[in-house]
Amino acid sequence: MAALQQPYRARLAVVVMGVSGTGKSSVAASLACVLGVPWIDGDDLHVPEAVARMRGGVPLGDEDRWPWLERIGARLSDEAAAPTGVVVACSALKRAYRDRLRAAAPGVHFVCLDGPRALVRHRLEARSGHYMPPALLDSQLQSFEKPGADEPEVLHAGIDEPVPLIVASVGARLIAFAQGCAFPTKIAA
């Protein structure tokens, strides 16, 4: 009896993005588990000086973010370290930041988490042990450039859904892509 062949599977590089408090780390960790790939919290790739600035309530500027994005891009494109793919939690607030990641890791996909300001603020105020204070939410929302139709590799998810439902939805679409199928837009009854 011949062995069954494994279906083709493209390497998946995925960035779970959004402002602080949208659940990037929770979704990225769960999504990585579903996809069978490692995940990286982009917060861990900030230099200590940047973390200290944010902890002190000072928002980062582009000059602070470019080297950080280079480190994230290097991790996204490192096929030797993650041959089947990787999921990274990273704010990727501006189009230019996403373009930088696209240049470093061609074919990268994004999962954009978004929701009402009041819900995000509530989440920020309720969490502990994170350096990002709720006071920086407004600066993040001002910087946030929502991906539009001209960024077709971005999947959108509302944070009013529980993490398992978000992961099931975007995970199924990413798996379909990795197996060479088009993103399903509707499942027939």
N, C-alpha and C. Protein backbone atom coordinates (compact mmCIF):
# COMPACT_ATOMS: atom_id res chain seq x y z
N MET A 1 0.84 -1.17 0.00
CA MET A 1 0.00 0.00 0.00
C MET A 1 0.89 1.24 0.00
N ALA A 2 0.62 2.16 -0.85
CA ALA A 2 1.41 3.38 -0.96
C ALA A 2 1.07 4.33 0.19
N ALA A 3 2.10 5.04 0.64
CA ALA A 3 1.89 6.01 1.71
C ALA A 3 1.11 7.20 1.17
N LEU A 4 0.27 7.77 2.02
CA LEU A 4 -0.47 8.96 1.64
C LEU A 4 0.48 10.13 1.57
N GLN A 5 0.33 10.92 0.55
CA GLN A 5 1.16 12.11 0.43
C GLN A 5 0.54 13.24 1.25
N GLN A 6 1.40 14.00 1.89
CA GLN A 6 0.92 15.17 2.61
C GLN A 6 0.54 16.23 1.57
N PRO A 7 -0.55 16.95 1.81
CA PRO A 7 -0.92 18.00 0.86
C PRO A 7 0.12 19.11 0.89
N TYR A 8 0.22 19.79 -0.24
CA TYR A 8 1.12 20.94 -0.33
C TYR A 8 0.74 21.94 0.74
N ARG A 9 1.74 22.54 1.35
CA ARG A 9 1.48 23.60 2.31
C ARG A 9 2.54 24.67 2.19
N ALA A 10 2.11 25.86 1.85
CA ALA A 10 3.02 27.00 1.76
C ALA A 10 3.43 27.44 3.16
N ARG A 11 4.61 27.99 3.27
CA ARG A 11 5.06 28.56 4.54
C ARG A 11 4.19 29.77 4.86
N LEU A 12 3.77 29.89 6.10
CA LEU A 12 2.93 31.00 6.51
C LEU A 12 3.68 31.94 7.43
N ALA A 13 3.80 33.18 7.03
CA ALA A 13 4.31 34.24 7.89
C ALA A 13 3.12 35.17 8.15
N VAL A 14 2.76 35.32 9.41
CA VAL A 14 1.54 36.05 9.77
C VAL A 14 1.86 37.07 10.85
N VAL A 15 1.35 38.28 10.68
CA VAL A 15 1.44 39.32 11.69
C VAL A 15 0.04 39.58 12.22
N VAL A 16 -0.14 39.41 13.52
CA VAL A 16 -1.40 39.78 14.17
C VAL A 16 -1.20 41.19 14.68
N MET A 17 -1.98 42.13 14.14
CA MET A 17 -1.74 43.55 14.34
C MET A 17 -2.92 44.27 14.97
N GLY A 18 -2.64 45.46 15.46
CA GLY A 18 -3.68 46.31 16.04
C GLY A 18 -3.08 47.14 17.17
N VAL A 19 -3.88 48.03 17.71
CA VAL A 19 -3.40 48.85 18.82
C VAL A 19 -3.27 48.00 20.07
N SER A 20 -2.55 48.52 21.04
CA SER A 20 -2.38 47.82 22.31
C SER A 20 -3.74 47.58 22.95
N GLY A 21 -3.94 46.38 23.46
CA GLY A 21 -5.20 46.04 24.13
C GLY A 21 -6.21 45.33 23.26
N THR A 22 -5.89 45.09 22.00
CA THR A 22 -6.83 44.40 21.11
C THR A 22 -6.73 42.89 21.22
N GLY A 23 -5.73 42.39 21.92
CA GLY A 23 -5.60 40.94 22.08
C GLY A 23 -4.61 40.30 21.13
N LYS A 24 -3.66 41.08 20.63
CA LYS A 24 -2.70 40.54 19.66
C LYS A 24 -1.97 39.30 20.18
N SER A 25 -1.45 39.38 21.37
CA SER A 25 -0.67 38.25 21.91
C SER A 25 -1.54 37.02 22.10
N SER A 26 -2.74 37.19 22.62
CA SER A 26 -3.64 36.05 22.83
C SER A 26 -4.03 35.40 21.51
N VAL A 27 -4.38 36.22 20.53
CA VAL A 27 -4.76 35.69 19.22
C VAL A 27 -3.55 35.06 18.54
N ALA A 28 -2.39 35.71 18.60
CA ALA A 28 -1.19 35.18 17.93
C ALA A 28 -0.80 33.82 18.52
N ALA A 29 -0.82 33.69 19.83
CA ALA A 29 -0.45 32.43 20.47
C ALA A 29 -1.42 31.31 20.08
N SER A 30 -2.70 31.60 20.10
CA SER A 30 -3.70 30.59 19.74
C SER A 30 -3.65 30.26 18.25
N LEU A 31 -3.47 31.27 17.43
CA LEU A 31 -3.39 31.05 15.98
C LEU A 31 -2.17 30.20 15.64
N ALA A 32 -1.05 30.48 16.28
CA ALA A 32 0.16 29.69 16.04
C ALA A 32 -0.08 28.22 16.40
N CYS A 33 -0.79 27.99 17.47
CA CYS A 33 -1.11 26.61 17.88
C CYS A 33 -1.95 25.91 16.82
N VAL A 34 -2.95 26.60 16.30
CA VAL A 34 -3.82 26.03 15.27
C VAL A 34 -3.04 25.76 13.98
N LEU A 35 -2.14 26.67 13.63
CA LEU A 35 -1.37 26.54 12.39
C LEU A 35 -0.18 25.60 12.55
N GLY A 36 0.18 25.28 13.79
CA GLY A 36 1.32 24.40 14.02
C GLY A 36 2.66 25.06 13.76
N VAL A 37 2.74 26.34 14.09
CA VAL A 37 3.97 27.11 13.90
C VAL A 37 4.30 27.84 15.20
N PRO A 38 5.56 28.28 15.37
CA PRO A 38 5.89 29.06 16.57
C PRO A 38 5.32 30.47 16.48
N TRP A 39 5.29 31.13 17.62
CA TRP A 39 4.88 32.53 17.62
C TRP A 39 5.87 33.36 18.42
N ILE A 40 5.90 34.64 18.08
CA ILE A 40 6.80 35.59 18.72
C ILE A 40 5.98 36.80 19.13
N ASP A 41 6.19 37.26 20.36
CA ASP A 41 5.57 38.51 20.79
C ASP A 41 6.51 39.63 20.40
N GLY A 42 6.08 40.47 19.48
CA GLY A 42 6.92 41.56 19.01
C GLY A 42 7.37 42.48 20.14
N ASP A 43 6.59 42.55 21.22
CA ASP A 43 6.99 43.37 22.36
C ASP A 43 8.35 42.92 22.90
N ASP A 44 8.64 41.63 22.78
CA ASP A 44 9.91 41.10 23.28
C ASP A 44 11.10 41.55 22.44
N LEU A 45 10.85 42.11 21.27
CA LEU A 45 11.92 42.54 20.38
C LEU A 45 12.23 44.04 20.50
N HIS A 46 11.50 44.74 21.38
CA HIS A 46 11.82 46.14 21.64
C HIS A 46 13.11 46.21 22.46
N VAL A 47 13.91 47.22 22.22
CA VAL A 47 15.10 47.44 23.05
C VAL A 47 14.64 47.99 24.40
N PRO A 48 15.42 47.76 25.46
CA PRO A 48 15.02 48.22 26.79
C PRO A 48 14.69 49.71 26.87
N GLU A 49 15.40 50.53 26.10
CA GLU A 49 15.14 51.97 26.12
C GLU A 49 13.73 52.29 25.60
N ALA A 50 13.29 51.58 24.59
CA ALA A 50 11.94 51.80 24.05
C ALA A 50 10.88 51.37 25.06
N VAL A 51 11.11 50.24 25.72
CA VAL A 51 10.17 49.78 26.74
C VAL A 51 10.08 50.80 27.87
N ALA A 52 11.23 51.33 28.29
CA ALA A 52 11.24 52.33 29.36
C ALA A 52 10.47 53.58 28.95
N ARG A 53 10.61 54.00 27.71
CA ARG A 53 9.87 55.18 27.23
C ARG A 53 8.37 54.93 27.29
N MET A 54 7.94 53.77 26.77
CA MET A 54 6.51 53.48 26.78
C MET A 54 5.99 53.34 28.22
N ARG A 55 6.75 52.66 29.06
CA ARG A 55 6.35 52.50 30.46
C ARG A 55 6.17 53.87 31.11
N GLY A 56 6.99 54.83 30.70
CA GLY A 56 6.90 56.19 31.22
C GLY A 56 5.83 57.03 30.56
N GLY A 57 5.06 56.44 29.64
CA GLY A 57 3.97 57.17 28.99
C GLY A 57 4.37 57.97 27.78
N VAL A 58 5.57 57.70 27.25
CA VAL A 58 6.05 58.42 26.07
C VAL A 58 5.88 57.53 24.84
N PRO A 59 5.06 57.97 23.88
CA PRO A 59 4.87 57.14 22.68
C PRO A 59 6.14 57.06 21.84
N LEU A 60 6.31 55.95 21.16
CA LEU A 60 7.46 55.78 20.27
C LEU A 60 7.19 56.50 18.95
N GLY A 61 8.25 57.02 18.36
CA GLY A 61 8.15 57.63 17.05
C GLY A 61 8.67 56.68 15.99
N ASP A 62 8.58 57.09 14.74
CA ASP A 62 9.05 56.26 13.65
C ASP A 62 10.51 55.86 13.83
N GLU A 63 11.35 56.82 14.28
CA GLU A 63 12.77 56.52 14.43
C GLU A 63 13.02 55.41 15.45
N ASP A 64 12.09 55.25 16.41
CA ASP A 64 12.19 54.16 17.38
C ASP A 64 11.70 52.84 16.78
N ARG A 65 10.76 52.94 15.88
CA ARG A 65 10.11 51.74 15.37
C ARG A 65 10.85 51.07 14.21
N TRP A 66 11.58 51.83 13.40
CA TRP A 66 12.23 51.23 12.23
C TRP A 66 13.16 50.08 12.60
N PRO A 67 14.06 50.24 13.58
CA PRO A 67 14.95 49.10 13.93
C PRO A 67 14.16 47.92 14.49
N TRP A 68 13.10 48.21 15.24
CA TRP A 68 12.23 47.16 15.79
C TRP A 68 11.56 46.40 14.66
N LEU A 69 11.05 47.13 13.68
CA LEU A 69 10.41 46.47 12.53
C LEU A 69 11.41 45.64 11.73
N GLU A 70 12.66 46.09 11.66
CA GLU A 70 13.70 45.30 10.99
C GLU A 70 13.90 43.96 11.71
N ARG A 71 13.91 43.99 13.04
CA ARG A 71 14.05 42.74 13.81
C ARG A 71 12.86 41.83 13.59
N ILE A 72 11.66 42.39 13.54
CA ILE A 72 10.47 41.59 13.30
C ILE A 72 10.49 41.01 11.89
N GLY A 73 10.84 41.83 10.91
CA GLY A 73 10.93 41.36 9.53
C GLY A 73 11.93 40.21 9.38
N ALA A 74 13.04 40.31 10.09
CA ALA A 74 14.05 39.24 10.04
C ALA A 74 13.48 37.94 10.60
N ARG A 75 12.70 38.03 11.66
CA ARG A 75 12.10 36.82 12.24
C ARG A 75 11.03 36.25 11.31
N LEU A 76 10.25 37.11 10.68
CA LEU A 76 9.22 36.65 9.75
C LEU A 76 9.81 35.90 8.56
N SER A 77 10.97 36.34 8.11
CA SER A 77 11.56 35.76 6.90
C SER A 77 12.56 34.64 7.18
N ASP A 78 12.81 34.32 8.43
CA ASP A 78 13.82 33.32 8.81
C ASP A 78 13.28 31.90 8.63
N GLU A 79 13.41 31.39 7.41
CA GLU A 79 12.90 30.05 7.12
C GLU A 79 13.70 28.96 7.80
N ALA A 80 14.97 29.20 8.10
CA ALA A 80 15.78 28.20 8.79
C ALA A 80 15.26 27.98 10.21
N ALA A 81 14.90 29.06 10.89
CA ALA A 81 14.42 28.96 12.27
C ALA A 81 12.97 28.49 12.33
N ALA A 82 12.19 28.82 11.32
CA ALA A 82 10.76 28.46 11.31
C ALA A 82 10.37 28.04 9.90
N PRO A 83 10.73 26.80 9.51
CA PRO A 83 10.51 26.38 8.12
C PRO A 83 9.04 26.31 7.69
N THR A 84 8.12 26.06 8.61
CA THR A 84 6.72 25.99 8.23
C THR A 84 5.99 27.31 8.40
N GLY A 85 6.66 28.26 9.06
CA GLY A 85 6.07 29.58 9.24
C GLY A 85 6.18 30.07 10.66
N VAL A 86 5.64 31.25 10.88
CA VAL A 86 5.70 31.89 12.19
C VAL A 86 4.56 32.91 12.28
N VAL A 87 4.08 33.11 13.49
CA VAL A 87 3.09 34.15 13.76
C VAL A 87 3.75 35.15 14.70
N VAL A 88 3.61 36.43 14.39
CA VAL A 88 4.20 37.49 15.21
C VAL A 88 3.10 38.47 15.62
N ALA A 89 3.05 38.78 16.91
CA ALA A 89 2.17 39.84 17.40
C ALA A 89 2.94 41.15 17.30
N CYS A 90 2.41 42.09 16.53
CA CYS A 90 3.10 43.36 16.27
C CYS A 90 2.05 44.40 15.91
N SER A 91 2.14 45.58 16.49
CA SER A 91 1.12 46.60 16.24
C SER A 91 0.96 46.95 14.76
N ALA A 92 2.06 47.13 14.02
CA ALA A 92 2.01 47.44 12.59
C ALA A 92 0.95 48.50 12.28
N LEU A 93 0.99 49.58 13.04
CA LEU A 93 -0.08 50.57 12.99
C LEU A 93 -0.18 51.34 11.67
N LYS A 94 0.95 51.61 11.04
CA LYS A 94 0.96 52.42 9.83
C LYS A 94 1.20 51.57 8.59
N ARG A 95 0.68 52.06 7.48
CA ARG A 95 0.90 51.38 6.20
C ARG A 95 2.39 51.24 5.92
N ALA A 96 3.17 52.27 6.22
CA ALA A 96 4.61 52.21 5.97
C ALA A 96 5.27 51.10 6.79
N TYR A 97 4.76 50.85 8.00
CA TYR A 97 5.30 49.77 8.83
C TYR A 97 4.98 48.42 8.20
N ARG A 98 3.75 48.28 7.72
CA ARG A 98 3.36 47.02 7.07
C ARG A 98 4.14 46.81 5.78
N ASP A 99 4.37 47.90 5.04
CA ASP A 99 5.17 47.80 3.82
C ASP A 99 6.60 47.37 4.14
N ARG A 100 7.14 47.86 5.23
CA ARG A 100 8.49 47.46 5.64
C ARG A 100 8.52 45.95 5.93
N LEU A 101 7.48 45.46 6.60
CA LEU A 101 7.41 44.02 6.89
C LEU A 101 7.20 43.21 5.61
N ARG A 102 6.42 43.74 4.68
CA ARG A 102 6.22 43.06 3.39
C ARG A 102 7.54 42.96 2.62
N ALA A 103 8.34 44.01 2.68
CA ALA A 103 9.62 44.00 1.98
C ALA A 103 10.57 42.98 2.59
N ALA A 104 10.53 42.84 3.90
CA ALA A 104 11.41 41.89 4.60
C ALA A 104 10.93 40.45 4.43
N ALA A 105 9.61 40.27 4.36
CA ALA A 105 9.03 38.93 4.29
C ALA A 105 7.93 38.89 3.23
N PRO A 106 8.32 38.82 1.96
CA PRO A 106 7.30 38.79 0.90
C PRO A 106 6.30 37.66 1.14
N GLY A 107 5.03 37.98 0.91
CA GLY A 107 3.97 36.99 1.12
C GLY A 107 3.40 36.98 2.52
N VAL A 108 3.89 37.87 3.39
CA VAL A 108 3.37 37.92 4.75
C VAL A 108 1.88 38.25 4.73
N HIS A 109 1.16 37.66 5.67
CA HIS A 109 -0.27 37.96 5.84
C HIS A 109 -0.44 38.71 7.15
N PHE A 110 -1.49 39.51 7.21
CA PHE A 110 -1.79 40.28 8.41
C PHE A 110 -3.19 39.92 8.90
N VAL A 111 -3.35 39.89 10.20
CA VAL A 111 -4.66 39.75 10.83
C VAL A 111 -4.84 41.03 11.64
N CYS A 112 -5.76 41.87 11.21
CA CYS A 112 -5.98 43.17 11.85
C CYS A 112 -7.10 43.04 12.88
N LEU A 113 -6.74 43.24 14.14
CA LEU A 113 -7.71 43.22 15.23
C LEU A 113 -8.15 44.65 15.51
N ASP A 114 -9.46 44.85 15.57
CA ASP A 114 -9.97 46.20 15.75
C ASP A 114 -11.27 46.13 16.54
N GLY A 115 -11.55 47.20 17.26
CA GLY A 115 -12.78 47.25 18.03
C GLY A 115 -13.01 48.64 18.59
N PRO A 116 -14.11 48.79 19.28
CA PRO A 116 -14.45 50.11 19.83
C PRO A 116 -13.42 50.59 20.86
N ARG A 117 -13.14 51.88 20.83
CA ARG A 117 -12.17 52.48 21.73
C ARG A 117 -12.49 52.14 23.18
N ALA A 118 -13.75 52.21 23.56
CA ALA A 118 -14.13 51.95 24.96
C ALA A 118 -13.76 50.53 25.39
N LEU A 119 -13.95 49.56 24.51
CA LEU A 119 -13.60 48.17 24.83
C LEU A 119 -12.08 48.01 24.95
N VAL A 120 -11.35 48.61 24.04
CA VAL A 120 -9.89 48.53 24.10
C VAL A 120 -9.39 49.18 25.38
N ARG A 121 -9.90 50.34 25.71
CA ARG A 121 -9.48 51.04 26.94
C ARG A 121 -9.80 50.19 28.18
N HIS A 122 -10.98 49.60 28.20
CA HIS A 122 -11.35 48.74 29.33
C HIS A 122 -10.35 47.59 29.48
N ARG A 123 -9.98 46.98 28.37
CA ARG A 123 -9.01 45.88 28.41
C ARG A 123 -7.66 46.35 28.94
N LEU A 124 -7.22 47.52 28.48
CA LEU A 124 -5.94 48.06 28.94
C LEU A 124 -5.96 48.34 30.44
N GLU A 125 -7.06 48.89 30.91
CA GLU A 125 -7.17 49.21 32.34
C GLU A 125 -7.27 47.96 33.20
N ALA A 126 -7.79 46.87 32.64
CA ALA A 126 -7.99 45.64 33.41
C ALA A 126 -6.74 44.76 33.47
N ARG A 127 -5.81 44.94 32.55
CA ARG A 127 -4.65 44.04 32.53
C ARG A 127 -3.54 44.54 33.45
N SER A 128 -2.76 43.58 33.88
CA SER A 128 -1.63 43.93 34.74
C SER A 128 -0.37 43.27 34.19
N GLY A 129 0.77 43.81 34.60
CA GLY A 129 2.04 43.22 34.19
C GLY A 129 2.51 43.60 32.81
N HIS A 130 1.90 44.58 32.19
CA HIS A 130 2.33 45.02 30.86
C HIS A 130 2.82 46.46 30.96
N TYR A 131 3.86 46.78 30.21
CA TYR A 131 4.46 48.10 30.30
C TYR A 131 3.67 49.19 29.59
N MET A 132 2.74 48.81 28.73
CA MET A 132 2.01 49.80 27.93
C MET A 132 0.86 50.39 28.75
N PRO A 133 0.97 51.66 29.16
CA PRO A 133 -0.10 52.24 29.97
C PRO A 133 -1.31 52.64 29.12
N PRO A 134 -2.50 52.62 29.72
CA PRO A 134 -3.71 53.04 28.99
C PRO A 134 -3.59 54.47 28.44
N ALA A 135 -2.75 55.29 29.05
CA ALA A 135 -2.60 56.68 28.59
C ALA A 135 -2.08 56.77 27.16
N LEU A 136 -1.42 55.72 26.67
CA LEU A 136 -0.88 55.76 25.30
C LEU A 136 -1.88 55.29 24.24
N LEU A 137 -3.07 54.88 24.66
CA LEU A 137 -4.05 54.39 23.68
C LEU A 137 -4.38 55.46 22.64
N ASP A 138 -4.62 56.69 23.08
CA ASP A 138 -4.99 57.74 22.13
C ASP A 138 -3.91 57.97 21.08
N SER A 139 -2.64 57.94 21.48
CA SER A 139 -1.57 58.14 20.50
C SER A 139 -1.53 56.97 19.51
N GLN A 140 -1.81 55.77 19.98
CA GLN A 140 -1.85 54.63 19.06
C GLN A 140 -3.02 54.75 18.09
N LEU A 141 -4.17 55.14 18.61
CA LEU A 141 -5.34 55.29 17.73
C LEU A 141 -5.12 56.40 16.70
N GLN A 142 -4.41 57.46 17.07
CA GLN A 142 -4.11 58.53 16.12
C GLN A 142 -3.15 58.05 15.04
N SER A 143 -2.23 57.17 15.40
CA SER A 143 -1.26 56.65 14.42
C SER A 143 -1.83 55.55 13.54
N PHE A 144 -2.88 54.88 14.02
CA PHE A 144 -3.41 53.69 13.34
C PHE A 144 -4.00 54.04 11.98
N GLU A 145 -3.43 53.41 10.95
CA GLU A 145 -3.95 53.53 9.58
C GLU A 145 -4.56 52.19 9.24
N LYS A 146 -5.89 52.14 9.30
CA LYS A 146 -6.58 50.87 9.04
C LYS A 146 -6.29 50.38 7.63
N PRO A 147 -5.95 49.12 7.51
CA PRO A 147 -5.73 48.56 6.17
C PRO A 147 -7.03 48.60 5.36
N GLY A 148 -6.89 48.98 4.12
CA GLY A 148 -8.05 49.05 3.25
C GLY A 148 -8.03 47.95 2.20
N ALA A 149 -8.89 48.10 1.21
CA ALA A 149 -9.02 47.10 0.14
C ALA A 149 -7.74 46.97 -0.68
N ASP A 150 -6.88 47.98 -0.62
CA ASP A 150 -5.62 47.91 -1.38
C ASP A 150 -4.55 47.09 -0.65
N GLU A 151 -4.93 46.47 0.47
CA GLU A 151 -4.05 45.56 1.19
C GLU A 151 -4.79 44.21 1.31
N PRO A 152 -4.88 43.47 0.19
CA PRO A 152 -5.73 42.27 0.16
C PRO A 152 -5.26 41.12 1.05
N GLU A 153 -4.00 41.14 1.50
CA GLU A 153 -3.51 40.05 2.34
C GLU A 153 -3.81 40.29 3.81
N VAL A 154 -4.67 41.27 4.10
CA VAL A 154 -5.06 41.57 5.48
C VAL A 154 -6.44 40.98 5.75
N LEU A 155 -6.50 40.15 6.79
CA LEU A 155 -7.77 39.63 7.26
C LEU A 155 -8.20 40.49 8.44
N HIS A 156 -9.46 40.86 8.50
CA HIS A 156 -9.96 41.72 9.57
C HIS A 156 -10.77 40.90 10.56
N ALA A 157 -10.62 41.23 11.85
CA ALA A 157 -11.38 40.54 12.89
C ALA A 157 -11.76 41.54 13.97
N GLY A 158 -13.02 41.49 14.38
CA GLY A 158 -13.50 42.35 15.45
C GLY A 158 -13.18 41.73 16.80
N ILE A 159 -12.73 42.56 17.74
CA ILE A 159 -12.33 42.04 19.04
C ILE A 159 -13.51 41.81 19.98
N ASP A 160 -14.73 42.09 19.50
CA ASP A 160 -15.89 41.80 20.33
C ASP A 160 -16.23 40.31 20.30
N GLU A 161 -15.57 39.56 19.45
CA GLU A 161 -15.72 38.10 19.40
C GLU A 161 -14.72 37.46 20.36
N PRO A 162 -15.03 36.30 20.93
CA PRO A 162 -14.04 35.61 21.77
C PRO A 162 -12.84 35.14 20.93
N VAL A 163 -11.69 35.06 21.57
CA VAL A 163 -10.46 34.66 20.88
C VAL A 163 -10.63 33.37 20.09
N PRO A 164 -11.25 32.31 20.66
CA PRO A 164 -11.38 31.08 19.87
C PRO A 164 -12.15 31.26 18.56
N LEU A 165 -13.15 32.13 18.54
CA LEU A 165 -13.89 32.37 17.29
C LEU A 165 -13.05 33.16 16.29
N ILE A 166 -12.31 34.13 16.78
CA ILE A 166 -11.41 34.89 15.89
C ILE A 166 -10.40 33.93 15.26
N VAL A 167 -9.80 33.09 16.09
CA VAL A 167 -8.77 32.17 15.62
C VAL A 167 -9.36 31.15 14.65
N ALA A 168 -10.55 30.65 14.93
CA ALA A 168 -11.18 29.69 14.02
C ALA A 168 -11.42 30.31 12.65
N SER A 169 -11.91 31.54 12.65
CA SER A 169 -12.22 32.21 11.39
C SER A 169 -10.96 32.50 10.57
N VAL A 170 -10.01 33.20 11.16
CA VAL A 170 -8.82 33.57 10.39
C VAL A 170 -7.92 32.36 10.17
N GLY A 171 -7.89 31.44 11.12
CA GLY A 171 -7.08 30.23 10.96
C GLY A 171 -7.52 29.40 9.77
N ALA A 172 -8.83 29.24 9.61
CA ALA A 172 -9.35 28.47 8.47
C ALA A 172 -8.95 29.12 7.15
N ARG A 173 -9.01 30.43 7.09
CA ARG A 173 -8.66 31.14 5.86
C ARG A 173 -7.17 31.03 5.56
N LEU A 174 -6.34 31.10 6.60
CA LEU A 174 -4.89 30.99 6.40
C LEU A 174 -4.50 29.56 6.01
N ILE A 175 -5.14 28.57 6.60
CA ILE A 175 -4.87 27.18 6.23
C ILE A 175 -5.26 26.94 4.78
N ALA A 176 -6.40 27.48 4.38
CA ALA A 176 -6.83 27.34 2.98
C ALA A 176 -5.78 27.95 2.05
N PHE A 177 -5.27 29.11 2.40
CA PHE A 177 -4.23 29.72 1.58
C PHE A 177 -3.00 28.83 1.52
N ALA A 178 -2.55 28.34 2.67
CA ALA A 178 -1.34 27.53 2.73
C ALA A 178 -1.47 26.25 1.92
N GLN A 179 -2.68 25.77 1.76
CA GLN A 179 -2.91 24.55 0.99
C GLN A 179 -3.23 24.85 -0.47
N GLY A 180 -3.08 26.10 -0.85
CA GLY A 180 -3.26 26.46 -2.26
C GLY A 180 -4.67 26.79 -2.67
N CYS A 181 -5.57 26.97 -1.71
CA CYS A 181 -6.95 27.34 -2.01
C CYS A 181 -7.10 28.84 -1.89
N ALA A 182 -8.08 29.38 -2.57
CA ALA A 182 -8.37 30.81 -2.43
C ALA A 182 -9.02 31.02 -1.07
N PHE A 183 -8.94 32.26 -0.55
CA PHE A 183 -9.63 32.55 0.70
C PHE A 183 -11.12 32.38 0.49
N PRO A 184 -11.75 31.49 1.24
CA PRO A 184 -13.20 31.35 1.07
C PRO A 184 -13.90 32.58 1.62
N THR A 185 -14.86 33.07 0.86
CA THR A 185 -15.60 34.23 1.34
C THR A 185 -16.94 33.81 1.92
N LYS A 186 -17.46 32.66 1.49
CA LYS A 186 -18.74 32.20 2.00
C LYS A 186 -18.75 30.68 1.94
N ILE A 187 -19.25 30.09 2.98
CA ILE A 187 -19.39 28.64 3.01
C ILE A 187 -20.82 28.30 2.63
N ALA A 188 -20.97 27.44 1.62
CA ALA A 188 -22.31 27.07 1.16
C ALA A 188 -22.97 26.16 2.18
N ALA A 189 -24.28 26.30 2.29
CA ALA A 189 -25.05 25.48 3.25
C ALA A 189 -25.23 24.07 2.73
